[in-house]
Protein backbone atom coordinates (compact mmCIF):
# COMPACT_ATOMS: atom_id res chain seq x y z
CA MET A 1 0.02 0.03 -0.01
CA HIS A 2 1.28 3.48 -0.70
CA THR A 3 -0.15 6.89 0.17
CA VAL A 4 0.87 10.20 -1.29
CA HIS A 5 0.95 13.27 0.89
CA TYR A 6 0.80 16.69 -0.67
CA PRO A 7 1.84 19.63 1.50
CA ARG A 8 -0.76 22.20 2.38
CA PHE A 9 1.70 24.91 1.47
CA ALA A 10 4.39 24.38 -1.12
CA ASP A 11 7.97 24.86 -0.04
CA PRO A 12 9.96 25.78 -3.16
CA THR A 13 13.29 25.62 -1.23
CA ASN A 14 13.43 21.85 -1.06
CA GLY A 15 11.98 21.15 -4.55
CA TYR A 16 9.70 18.34 -3.46
CA ILE A 17 6.07 18.45 -4.38
CA ALA A 18 4.94 15.48 -2.26
CA ALA A 19 6.00 12.67 0.08
CA ALA A 20 4.96 9.07 -0.42
CA VAL A 21 4.83 6.30 2.21
CA GLY A 22 4.98 2.69 1.09
CA ILE A 23 4.03 -0.04 3.53
CA MET A 24 4.18 -3.64 2.45
CA PHE A 25 1.74 -6.31 3.68
CA SER A 26 1.63 -10.11 3.27
CA VAL A 27 -0.71 -12.86 4.39
CA ASP A 28 2.14 -15.36 4.85
CA ASN A 29 5.54 -13.73 4.32
CA TYR A 30 5.70 -10.93 6.87
CA ASN A 31 8.61 -10.22 9.15
CA ALA A 32 7.03 -7.71 11.61
CA LYS A 33 6.99 -8.88 15.19
CA LEU A 34 3.76 -7.39 16.48
CA THR A 35 1.67 -7.72 19.62
CA TRP A 36 -2.00 -8.74 19.45
CA ALA A 37 -2.89 -5.02 19.97
CA GLU A 38 -0.68 -3.90 17.06
CA GLU A 39 -2.20 -6.53 14.78
CA LYS A 40 -5.64 -5.23 15.80
CA ILE A 41 -4.59 -1.74 14.61
CA ILE A 42 -3.90 -3.16 11.10
CA ASP A 43 -7.19 -5.06 11.23
CA ASN A 44 -9.11 -1.93 12.26
CA PHE A 45 -7.58 0.06 9.47
CA PHE A 46 -8.51 -2.42 6.74
CA GLU A 47 -11.84 -3.22 8.28
CA ASN A 48 -12.86 0.42 8.20
CA ILE A 49 -11.32 1.59 4.95
CA ASN A 50 -13.92 2.66 2.43
CA MET A 51 -13.07 0.41 -0.53
CA ASP A 52 -15.50 2.40 -2.66
CA ASN A 53 -13.03 5.29 -2.57
CA VAL A 54 -9.79 3.36 -2.89
CA GLY A 55 -7.83 4.82 -5.80
CA ASP A 56 -10.23 7.78 -6.13
CA LYS A 57 -8.22 10.94 -6.18
CA THR A 58 -11.37 13.09 -6.01
CA SER A 59 -12.41 11.69 -2.59
CA ALA A 60 -11.75 14.10 0.21
CA LYS A 61 -11.52 11.39 2.82
CA PRO A 62 -10.96 7.86 1.49
CA VAL A 63 -9.80 6.56 4.88
CA ASP A 64 -10.38 7.42 8.49
CA TRP A 65 -7.35 9.61 9.30
CA VAL A 66 -7.33 8.55 12.93
CA LEU A 67 -7.04 4.90 11.89
CA TYR A 68 -4.34 5.83 9.34
CA ALA A 69 -2.44 7.64 12.05
CA ASP A 70 -2.70 4.54 14.34
CA LEU A 71 -1.28 2.40 11.46
CA LEU A 72 1.57 4.78 10.90
CA SER A 73 2.37 4.80 14.65
CA LEU A 74 3.26 1.13 14.56
CA VAL A 75 5.31 1.21 11.33
CA ASN A 76 9.09 0.94 11.77
CA THR A 77 10.31 4.11 9.98
CA ASP A 78 13.91 3.52 11.12
CA ASN A 79 14.27 0.74 8.47
CA ARG A 80 13.21 2.13 5.06
CA TRP A 81 14.36 2.93 1.60
CA VAL A 82 14.35 6.61 0.78
CA TYR A 83 14.62 7.93 -2.74
CA ARG A 84 13.52 10.70 -5.09
CA GLY A 85 10.91 9.49 -7.49
CA SER A 86 7.61 10.42 -9.06
CA VAL A 87 3.92 9.98 -8.51
CA THR A 88 2.73 6.65 -9.87
CA THR A 89 -0.23 7.91 -11.81
CA PRO A 90 -0.29 10.23 -14.85
CA PRO A 91 1.00 12.83 -15.33
CA CYS A 92 3.71 11.15 -13.08
CA ALA A 93 4.85 14.37 -11.51
CA GLU A 94 8.47 14.15 -10.36
CA ASN A 95 10.19 15.28 -7.14
CA VAL A 96 8.30 12.98 -4.82
CA TYR A 97 10.12 12.02 -1.60
CA TRP A 98 9.53 8.27 -1.34
CA ASN A 99 9.73 6.39 1.98
CA VAL A 100 9.32 2.62 1.54
CA MET A 101 9.34 0.61 4.73
CA THR A 102 11.49 -2.55 4.66
CA THR A 103 9.38 -4.36 7.29
CA VAL A 104 6.48 -6.41 5.85
CA TYR A 105 3.34 -6.41 8.00
CA PRO A 106 0.67 -9.03 8.34
CA ILE A 107 -2.66 -8.71 6.57
CA LYS A 108 -5.64 -11.05 6.71
CA GLU A 109 -6.51 -12.77 3.52
CA LYS A 110 -10.08 -11.48 3.58
CA TYR A 111 -8.77 -7.91 3.04
CA VAL A 112 -6.51 -8.96 0.15
CA LYS A 113 -9.53 -10.78 -1.47
CA LEU A 114 -11.71 -7.68 -1.03
CA PHE A 115 -9.00 -5.55 -2.69
CA LYS A 116 -8.55 -8.02 -5.53
CA ALA A 117 -12.33 -8.07 -6.11
CA LYS A 118 -12.29 -4.28 -6.39
CA LEU A 119 -9.49 -4.51 -8.94
CA THR A 120 -11.35 -7.03 -11.10
CA ASP A 121 -14.61 -5.13 -11.11
CA GLY A 122 -12.86 -2.08 -12.53
CA GLY A 123 -13.21 -0.05 -9.34
CA ILE A 124 -9.48 0.76 -9.19
């Protein structure tokens, strides 16, 4: 999963137009060592995400920002790849500050199936 964060006010001094956060999830091949409570944070996030708005740039609030903040609070940001890249959708604007976490987090198969179903019905 990746999210793109655009600044409220542009800062022309650093040249970046946005920051992206990439978090990897896997049903079977995850390396995160989480408590039950931390796994519940991931479940709550995916349980409450509005799949009707996934991939919709026009939506003002595709996720519950409190749940997203909870998810980010458990992510290990000390171990990540950082690079200058671009947005992944046209027009593929450059100067995006990418942060891709190296830790892979667990996800339940039901959420992966829901996302795949959304992909196949043309919703994303």
